[in-house]
Protein backbone atom coordinates (compact mmCIF):
# COMPACT_ATOMS: atom_id res chain seq x y z
CA MET A 1 43.90 187.71 -26.43
CA ARG A 2 44.42 186.95 -22.74
CA ASP A 3 47.57 184.89 -23.37
CA VAL A 4 49.03 187.54 -25.70
CA LEU A 5 48.44 190.29 -23.13
CA ASN A 6 49.92 188.24 -20.30
CA ALA A 7 53.02 187.38 -22.35
CA GLY A 8 53.41 191.05 -23.25
CA LEU A 9 53.13 192.05 -19.59
CA ILE A 10 55.83 189.55 -18.61
CA ASP A 11 58.16 190.92 -21.30
CA PHE A 12 57.41 194.49 -20.19
CA LEU A 13 58.20 193.68 -16.55
CA LYS A 14 61.50 192.09 -17.56
CA ALA A 15 62.50 195.18 -19.56
CA SER A 16 61.49 197.56 -16.75
CA PRO A 17 63.52 196.94 -13.57
CA THR A 18 63.41 200.66 -12.63
CA PRO A 19 61.11 203.65 -13.36
CA PHE A 20 63.73 204.85 -15.87
CA HIS A 21 63.61 201.58 -17.77
CA ALA A 22 59.80 201.42 -17.53
CA THR A 23 59.55 204.87 -19.13
CA ALA A 24 62.01 203.88 -21.85
CA SER A 25 60.03 200.67 -22.47
CA LEU A 26 56.78 202.61 -22.77
CA ALA A 27 58.42 205.13 -25.12
CA LEU A 28 59.74 202.37 -27.40
CA ARG A 29 56.28 200.83 -27.67
CA LEU A 30 54.70 204.20 -28.36
CA GLU A 31 57.25 205.02 -31.08
CA ALA A 32 56.61 201.64 -32.71
CA ALA A 33 52.94 202.66 -32.87
CA GLY A 34 53.77 205.98 -34.57
CA TYR A 35 53.90 208.31 -31.56
CA GLN A 36 56.34 211.22 -31.85
CA ARG A 37 58.44 212.54 -28.97
CA LEU A 38 57.88 216.12 -27.80
CA ASP A 39 60.69 218.04 -26.11
CA GLU A 40 59.51 220.16 -23.16
CA ARG A 41 62.30 222.66 -23.84
CA GLU A 42 61.07 223.36 -27.37
CA SER A 43 57.86 224.83 -28.77
CA TRP A 44 55.19 222.30 -29.73
CA SER A 45 53.12 222.01 -32.86
CA VAL A 46 50.42 219.41 -32.34
CA VAL A 47 47.75 218.65 -34.90
CA SER A 48 44.35 217.00 -34.91
CA GLY A 49 44.79 213.25 -35.07
CA GLY A 50 48.45 213.47 -34.01
CA ARG A 51 50.17 210.98 -31.69
CA TYR A 52 52.75 212.29 -29.22
CA TYR A 53 54.54 211.56 -25.97
CA VAL A 54 56.65 213.54 -23.53
CA THR A 55 58.95 212.40 -20.71
CA ARG A 56 60.37 214.13 -17.67
CA ASN A 57 63.33 213.03 -15.55
CA ASP A 58 63.49 209.91 -17.78
CA SER A 59 61.09 208.31 -15.26
CA SER A 60 57.64 209.78 -16.02
CA ILE A 61 55.81 209.77 -19.33
CA ILE A 62 52.64 211.22 -20.83
CA ALA A 63 51.24 209.78 -24.07
CA ILE A 64 48.81 211.96 -26.04
CA LYS A 65 46.41 210.89 -28.78
CA MET A 66 44.93 214.07 -30.19
CA GLY A 67 41.36 213.50 -31.32
CA ARG A 68 39.84 214.68 -34.54
CA GLN A 69 37.14 216.31 -32.44
CA ALA A 70 38.26 219.44 -30.59
CA PRO A 71 38.97 218.51 -26.92
CA LEU A 72 36.72 221.36 -25.82
CA LEU A 73 33.68 219.62 -27.30
CA ASN A 74 33.86 216.30 -25.51
CA GLY A 75 36.66 216.62 -22.94
CA ILE A 76 39.75 214.45 -22.54
CA ARG A 77 39.84 210.80 -21.47
CA MET A 78 42.78 210.32 -19.09
CA VAL A 79 44.22 207.18 -17.50
CA GLY A 80 46.81 207.61 -14.76
CA ALA A 81 49.25 205.11 -13.22
CA HIS A 82 52.78 205.17 -11.75
CA THR A 83 56.15 203.76 -12.78
CA ASP A 84 57.84 203.34 -9.39
CA SER A 85 57.77 200.44 -6.92
CA PRO A 86 59.23 199.95 -3.42
CA CYS A 87 62.83 198.75 -3.61
CA LEU A 88 66.36 199.15 -2.24
CA ARG A 89 68.30 202.14 -3.60
CA VAL A 90 72.10 202.38 -3.46
CA LYS A 91 73.50 205.17 -1.26
CA PRO A 92 75.90 207.83 -2.68
CA GLN A 93 78.96 206.44 -0.87
CA PRO A 94 77.88 202.83 -0.50
CA GLU A 95 81.08 200.78 -0.23
CA LEU A 96 81.19 198.53 2.83
CA GLN A 97 84.06 196.04 3.22
CA ARG A 98 83.50 193.84 6.24
CA GLN A 99 84.77 190.37 7.09
CA GLY A 100 86.31 190.07 3.63
CA PHE A 101 83.07 190.86 1.75
CA LEU A 102 82.15 193.78 -0.49
CA GLN A 103 78.69 195.13 0.35
CA LEU A 104 76.71 198.20 -0.69
CA GLY A 105 74.78 200.41 1.69
CA VAL A 106 71.14 200.83 0.65
CA GLU A 107 68.18 203.04 1.49
CA VAL A 108 64.63 201.67 1.47
CA TYR A 109 62.50 203.38 -1.17
CA GLY A 110 58.78 203.42 -0.35
CA GLY A 111 56.85 201.10 1.94
CA ALA A 112 58.63 197.87 1.05
CA LEU A 113 58.02 194.47 2.61
CA LEU A 114 61.60 193.76 3.66
CA ALA A 115 61.67 190.06 4.55
CA PRO A 116 61.15 188.84 0.93
CA TRP A 117 64.38 190.59 -0.13
CA PHE A 118 66.47 188.00 1.69
CA ASP A 119 67.93 185.04 -0.22
CA ARG A 120 67.00 186.41 -3.65
CA ASP A 121 69.28 186.63 -6.70
CA LEU A 122 69.62 190.40 -7.12
CA SER A 123 70.85 192.61 -9.92
CA LEU A 124 71.30 196.36 -10.22
CA ALA A 125 69.85 198.91 -12.65
CA GLY A 126 69.06 202.60 -12.99
CA ARG A 127 70.51 205.85 -14.32
CA VAL A 128 74.16 206.90 -14.21
CA THR A 129 75.37 210.48 -14.76
CA TYR A 130 78.98 210.83 -15.93
CA ARG A 131 81.45 213.19 -17.58
CA ARG A 132 82.81 212.43 -21.03
CA ASP A 133 84.94 214.80 -23.13
CA GLY A 134 84.12 217.65 -20.79
CA LYS A 135 80.33 217.17 -21.05
CA VAL A 136 77.87 215.84 -18.48
CA GLU A 137 75.72 213.00 -19.84
CA SER A 138 73.39 210.32 -18.46
CA GLN A 139 72.68 206.74 -19.49
CA LEU A 140 70.55 203.86 -18.23
CA ILE A 141 72.35 200.72 -17.15
CA ASP A 142 71.25 197.23 -16.19
CA PHE A 143 73.71 194.62 -14.94
CA LYS A 144 71.04 191.93 -15.65
CA LEU A 145 73.16 189.15 -14.15
CA PRO A 146 72.61 188.19 -10.49
CA ILE A 147 75.45 190.11 -8.85
CA ALA A 148 74.25 190.37 -5.25
CA VAL A 149 72.37 188.62 -2.44
CA ILE A 150 71.17 189.39 1.10
CA PRO A 151 71.60 186.07 2.93
CA ASN A 152 69.38 185.30 5.89
CA LEU A 153 70.90 184.59 9.27
CA ALA A 154 70.60 180.88 10.01
CA ILE A 155 67.79 180.02 12.42
CA HIS A 156 70.37 178.41 14.71
CA LEU A 157 71.67 181.95 15.37
CA ASN A 158 68.23 183.60 15.41
CA ARG A 159 65.89 181.23 17.25
CA THR A 160 63.06 183.81 17.36
CA ALA A 161 63.06 184.48 13.61
CA ASN A 162 59.67 182.77 13.17
CA ASP A 163 58.14 184.62 16.11
CA GLY A 164 58.27 188.03 14.48
CA TRP A 165 61.52 189.75 13.64
CA HIS A 166 62.25 193.45 13.34
CA ILE A 167 64.55 194.00 10.35
CA ASN A 168 67.03 196.85 10.77
CA PRO A 169 67.44 198.41 7.27
CA GLN A 170 70.78 200.00 8.15
CA THR A 171 72.54 196.89 9.42
CA GLU A 172 70.73 193.91 7.89
CA LEU A 173 69.95 194.92 4.29
CA PRO A 174 73.33 195.75 2.67
CA PRO A 175 73.67 193.16 -0.13
CA ILE A 176 76.84 191.12 -0.58
CA LEU A 177 78.48 191.49 -4.01
CA ALA A 178 81.86 189.78 -3.70
CA GLN A 179 84.68 188.53 -1.53
CA VAL A 180 87.78 190.73 -1.39
CA ALA A 181 91.28 189.82 -0.41
CA GLY A 182 93.31 191.52 2.28
CA ASP A 183 93.66 195.28 1.85
CA GLU A 184 92.04 195.34 -1.61
CA ARG A 185 89.67 198.31 -1.93
CA ILE A 186 86.80 198.35 -4.42
CA ASP A 187 85.62 201.64 -5.96
CA PHE A 188 81.93 201.30 -6.82
CA ARG A 189 82.01 204.17 -9.30
CA ALA A 190 84.83 202.46 -11.15
CA LEU A 191 82.57 199.40 -11.44
CA LEU A 192 79.89 201.64 -12.98
CA THR A 193 82.42 203.04 -15.45
CA GLU A 194 83.20 199.48 -16.50
CA GLN A 195 79.49 198.69 -16.88
CA LEU A 196 78.98 201.74 -19.12
CA ALA A 197 81.79 200.53 -21.36
CA ARG A 198 80.52 196.94 -21.37
CA GLU A 199 76.83 197.74 -21.94
CA HIS A 200 76.99 200.89 -24.07
CA GLN A 201 80.60 201.08 -25.33
CA LEU A 202 80.94 204.44 -23.53
CA ASN A 203 84.30 205.56 -22.20
CA ALA A 204 83.31 207.85 -19.35
CA ASP A 205 85.98 210.03 -17.75
CA VAL A 206 84.32 209.76 -14.34
CA VAL A 207 80.96 208.72 -12.89
CA LEU A 208 79.53 211.79 -11.20
CA ASP A 209 76.37 210.35 -9.63
CA TYR A 210 73.68 207.71 -10.03
CA GLU A 211 70.18 206.53 -9.09
CA LEU A 212 70.40 202.75 -8.86
CA SER A 213 68.03 200.11 -7.53
CA PHE A 214 68.49 196.46 -6.69
CA TYR A 215 65.91 194.13 -8.21
CA ASP A 216 65.06 190.42 -8.30
CA THR A 217 66.39 188.68 -11.41
CA GLN A 218 63.69 186.00 -11.38
CA ASP A 219 61.40 186.65 -14.35
CA ALA A 220 57.68 187.10 -13.93
CA ALA A 221 55.68 183.99 -14.84
CA GLN A 222 52.17 182.66 -15.26
CA ILE A 223 51.77 180.11 -12.48
CA GLY A 224 49.22 177.92 -10.72
CA LEU A 225 47.75 174.49 -11.36
CA ASN A 226 45.52 175.97 -14.07
CA GLY A 227 47.67 179.00 -14.89
CA ASP A 228 45.37 181.25 -12.84
CA PHE A 229 48.02 183.71 -11.62
CA ILE A 230 50.85 185.96 -12.70
CA ALA A 231 53.71 186.26 -10.22
CA GLY A 232 56.34 188.94 -10.64
CA ALA A 233 58.08 192.03 -9.38
CA ARG A 234 56.69 195.56 -9.74
CA LEU A 235 53.12 194.55 -10.62
CA ASP A 236 52.31 197.56 -8.46
CA ASN A 237 52.04 199.49 -10.63
CA LEU A 238 53.56 198.47 -13.96
CA LEU A 239 50.51 196.24 -14.39
CA SER A 240 48.36 199.38 -14.73
CA CYS A 241 50.93 201.17 -16.91
CA TYR A 242 50.91 198.26 -19.34
CA ALA A 243 47.11 197.96 -19.33
CA GLY A 244 46.77 201.69 -19.98
CA LEU A 245 49.26 201.51 -22.85
CA GLN A 246 47.49 198.58 -24.50
CA ALA A 247 44.14 200.33 -24.20
CA LEU A 248 45.51 203.56 -25.65
CA LEU A 249 47.04 201.77 -28.63
CA ALA A 250 43.78 199.89 -29.24
CA ALA A 251 41.56 202.98 -29.04
CA ASP A 252 40.51 204.15 -32.48
CA SER A 253 38.03 206.87 -31.55
CA ASP A 254 38.00 210.54 -32.51
CA GLU A 255 38.34 211.62 -28.88
CA THR A 256 41.47 213.08 -27.27
CA CYS A 257 43.07 210.50 -24.96
CA ILE A 258 45.98 210.66 -22.52
CA LEU A 259 47.98 208.10 -20.57
CA VAL A 260 50.10 209.51 -17.74
CA CYS A 261 52.55 207.32 -15.80
CA ASN A 262 54.23 209.26 -12.99
CA ASP A 263 57.27 208.42 -10.89
CA HIS A 264 57.48 208.84 -7.09
CA GLU A 265 53.95 207.72 -6.16
CA GLU A 266 55.35 205.35 -3.54
CA VAL A 267 56.98 208.25 -1.66
CA GLY A 268 54.21 210.84 -1.83
CA SER A 269 54.36 212.08 -5.46
CA SER A 270 55.93 215.44 -4.52
CA SER A 271 58.51 215.96 -7.24
CA ALA A 272 58.90 217.70 -10.58
CA CYS A 273 57.79 214.52 -12.34
CA GLY A 274 55.40 213.15 -9.71
CA ALA A 275 51.63 213.45 -9.69
CA ASP A 276 51.90 216.16 -7.02
CA GLY A 277 54.14 218.15 -9.38
CA PRO A 278 53.15 220.24 -12.40
CA MET A 279 53.96 217.85 -15.25
CA LEU A 280 50.45 216.83 -16.29
CA GLU A 281 48.97 220.28 -15.71
CA GLN A 282 51.72 221.97 -17.74
CA THR A 283 51.29 219.46 -20.57
CA LEU A 284 47.54 220.06 -20.72
CA GLN A 285 48.06 223.82 -20.65
CA ARG A 286 50.36 223.58 -23.67
CA LEU A 287 47.72 221.58 -25.52
CA LEU A 288 45.04 224.08 -24.46
CA PRO A 289 46.79 227.47 -24.14
CA ASP A 290 43.55 229.46 -23.89
CA GLY A 291 42.74 229.70 -20.17
CA ASP A 292 38.97 229.70 -20.55
CA ALA A 293 38.99 226.79 -22.97
CA TYR A 294 41.36 224.90 -20.65
CA VAL A 295 39.00 225.10 -17.67
CA ARG A 296 35.95 224.24 -19.74
CA THR A 297 37.72 221.23 -21.26
CA ILE A 298 38.85 219.92 -17.87
CA GLN A 299 35.28 220.15 -16.60
CA ARG A 300 34.19 217.98 -19.55
CA SER A 301 36.98 215.45 -18.92
CA LEU A 302 37.40 212.38 -16.73
CA MET A 303 40.40 210.53 -15.29
CA VAL A 304 40.66 206.84 -14.44
CA SER A 305 43.36 206.48 -11.78
CA ALA A 306 44.55 202.87 -12.10
CA ASP A 307 46.51 201.41 -9.18
CA ASN A 308 46.44 197.91 -7.74
CA ALA A 309 43.85 196.91 -5.14
CA HIS A 310 44.15 194.52 -2.19
CA GLY A 311 42.64 191.16 -3.09
CA VAL A 312 41.13 189.20 -0.21
CA HIS A 313 43.78 186.69 0.91
CA PRO A 314 42.35 183.29 1.96
CA ASN A 315 44.68 183.16 4.97
CA TYR A 316 43.85 186.69 6.10
CA ALA A 317 40.23 187.26 5.08
CA ASP A 318 39.53 189.15 8.30
CA LYS A 319 41.73 192.01 7.05
CA HIS A 320 38.88 193.00 4.71
CA ASP A 321 35.41 194.37 5.20
CA GLY A 322 33.17 191.34 4.73
CA ASN A 323 31.20 192.96 1.92
CA HIS A 324 34.19 194.43 0.12
CA GLY A 325 36.78 191.70 -0.39
CA PRO A 326 37.91 191.81 -4.05
CA LYS A 327 38.80 188.44 -5.55
CA LEU A 328 41.53 187.70 -8.07
CA ASN A 329 40.25 187.04 -11.60
CA ALA A 330 36.89 188.66 -10.79
CA GLY A 331 37.54 191.91 -12.63
CA PRO A 332 38.73 195.45 -11.85
CA VAL A 333 37.93 197.04 -8.51
CA ILE A 334 36.32 200.43 -7.88
CA LYS A 335 38.06 201.89 -4.82
CA VAL A 336 36.00 204.08 -2.49
CA ASN A 337 37.00 206.12 0.57
CA ASN A 338 34.74 208.81 1.98
CA ASN A 339 37.75 210.57 3.54
CA GLN A 340 39.08 211.22 0.02
CA ARG A 341 42.02 208.83 0.11
CA TYR A 342 40.49 207.80 -3.21
CA ALA A 343 38.94 210.35 -5.57
CA THR A 344 35.96 208.19 -6.57
CA ASN A 345 32.48 209.65 -6.30
CA SER A 346 29.09 208.20 -7.20
CA GLU A 347 29.08 209.78 -10.65
CA THR A 348 32.53 208.57 -11.69
CA ALA A 349 32.02 205.13 -10.11
CA GLY A 350 28.66 204.83 -11.83
CA PHE A 351 30.17 205.65 -15.21
CA PHE A 352 32.98 203.11 -14.78
CA ARG A 353 30.46 200.48 -13.69
CA HIS A 354 28.34 201.36 -16.73
CA LEU A 355 31.36 200.77 -19.01
CA CYS A 356 32.05 197.41 -17.37
CA MET A 357 28.43 196.33 -17.81
CA ALA A 358 28.39 197.40 -21.46
CA GLU A 359 31.62 195.47 -22.13
CA GLU A 360 30.53 192.44 -20.05
CA VAL A 361 33.53 192.94 -17.78
CA PRO A 362 33.05 191.85 -14.14
CA VAL A 363 33.55 194.66 -11.64
CA GLN A 364 34.09 194.76 -7.86
CA SER A 365 34.19 197.31 -5.03
CA PHE A 366 36.74 197.92 -2.30
CA VAL A 367 36.31 199.84 0.94
CA VAL A 368 38.90 199.45 3.67
CA ARG A 369 37.78 198.16 7.07
CA SER A 370 36.51 201.02 9.23
CA ASP A 371 39.10 200.21 11.91
CA MET A 372 42.07 200.32 9.51
CA GLY A 373 43.91 203.10 7.72
CA CYS A 374 43.50 203.53 3.98
CA GLY A 375 46.26 203.96 1.43
CA SER A 376 46.02 206.42 -1.43
CA THR A 377 46.91 206.86 -5.10
CA ILE A 378 47.64 209.54 -7.67
CA GLY A 379 43.86 209.93 -8.09
CA PRO A 380 43.16 212.50 -5.34
CA ILE A 381 46.37 214.36 -6.19
CA ALA A 382 45.55 214.70 -9.89
CA ALA A 383 41.96 215.59 -9.09
CA SER A 384 42.97 218.36 -6.69
CA HIS A 385 45.59 219.79 -9.09
CA LEU A 386 43.43 219.75 -12.21
CA GLY A 387 39.90 219.85 -10.85
CA VAL A 388 39.12 216.82 -13.05
CA ARG A 389 36.52 214.24 -12.10
CA THR A 390 38.26 211.01 -11.18
CA VAL A 391 37.54 207.38 -10.38
CA ASP A 392 40.11 205.23 -8.57
CA ILE A 393 40.22 201.63 -9.77
CA GLY A 394 42.71 198.77 -9.92
CA LEU A 395 43.25 195.05 -10.27
CA PRO A 396 43.29 192.91 -7.12
CA THR A 397 46.70 191.59 -6.07
CA PHE A 398 48.37 189.72 -3.22
CA ALA A 399 51.68 190.59 -1.53
CA MET A 400 51.57 194.25 -2.55
CA HIS A 401 54.98 195.92 -2.03
CA SER A 402 56.76 192.58 -1.83
CA ILE A 403 59.71 191.82 -4.10
CA ARG A 404 57.32 189.41 -5.88
CA GLU A 405 53.59 190.12 -6.13
CA LEU A 406 50.65 188.09 -7.44
CA CYS A 407 47.66 188.95 -9.63
CA GLY A 408 45.04 187.01 -11.57
CA SER A 409 45.90 185.93 -15.13
CA HIS A 410 42.39 186.82 -16.40
CA ASP A 411 42.24 190.31 -14.93
CA LEU A 412 44.65 192.11 -17.28
CA ALA A 413 42.40 191.36 -20.24
CA HIS A 414 39.38 192.61 -18.24
CA LEU A 415 41.12 195.90 -17.46
CA VAL A 416 42.41 196.48 -21.00
CA LYS A 417 38.92 195.86 -22.37
CA VAL A 418 37.20 198.41 -20.12
CA LEU A 419 39.96 201.04 -20.46
CA THR A 420 39.78 200.69 -24.24
CA ALA A 421 36.03 201.28 -24.00
CA PHE A 422 36.71 204.33 -21.83
CA TYR A 423 39.12 205.79 -24.38
CA ARG A 424 36.57 205.14 -27.14
CA SER A 425 33.57 206.53 -25.26
CA HIS A 426 31.91 209.44 -27.02
CA ASP A 427 29.81 210.66 -24.10
CA LEU A 428 31.13 211.32 -20.58
CA PRO A 429 28.80 212.04 -17.66
């Protein structure tokens, strides 16, 4: 089971270089399991026992398993995660031709660790909007091949590089794509038109706009002397998206279950498709159009907000509270912050711990050091929008927000097992 899940995660990461591709990958897996797509612009007709999903902006997705019990009776079991990861996004007019090289100007998306982006084989993927036969259309693209690199400056020319080095995103991060001769000028949008034709056999009249991200072409892999780890890009937070999907597909209860994977968490979640937007609330209201029944159902419901946790690094153990240093391969982590950076309370934490004990899944706790700031998740945002009880949890990882992160190879199976039990649970606190 563990090996099958880990192999599936690695395949999912490879197919999901951007939030758009992650959403498409999730949708394909849901459709293969019999889930039907709902269009937000049309009226819905959902039935007891039905399986549905809805997307917004092509980058956020909500999967819905309607129970055979009315949601009002036992509430809704919700798992939340996010599809986006820190990266380098291409600017609208990106062409830079300097010293005979073609480069693209980029903007840093989210709180990325910048140094690991140097000397990596990079490709480009995302969504392109174009005009064809007088109509505006959009399509996902993925160059897949390594087409770019950000070379480091040799240490001979930067003697203080190992003493701490401030990276200027404007001047030092534009990737190199090619050498150009003389006065030759490269039109980036023309390159995208060619990629649409090559990848999708589409003859676009003109590329109107795009949302494109560079990504590392090195595949995720199970590594370590004993295969103890999984190394790969975008584990934060596609790891939780994949775990939530596997749990939802494995749940065979009569309860109503939802998996929501929002875009834009890494930049604050304030968007039409982010957790701080109305997508989840509007979806629930369409499932429960009666206002009184809606509120009563939400108060019977519970959300598990799943986002990666900081594992205690052996080289930097002093960055953790001594009693709250989660270890890789020691199970999911309950995240607590009394200043509400996490939405966990004693009741929701106790219930999650109860599920872990019943399933014989190891469980850990994380509290940030009292002299350090605490990050946040979609948990407090969803809780404040919906009024739903929430517990923030996640799997411990190293190198969060790097171009390549690390998690334990045993932990995915732990998380899938407890989330499946959550989806199957008949009684909520």
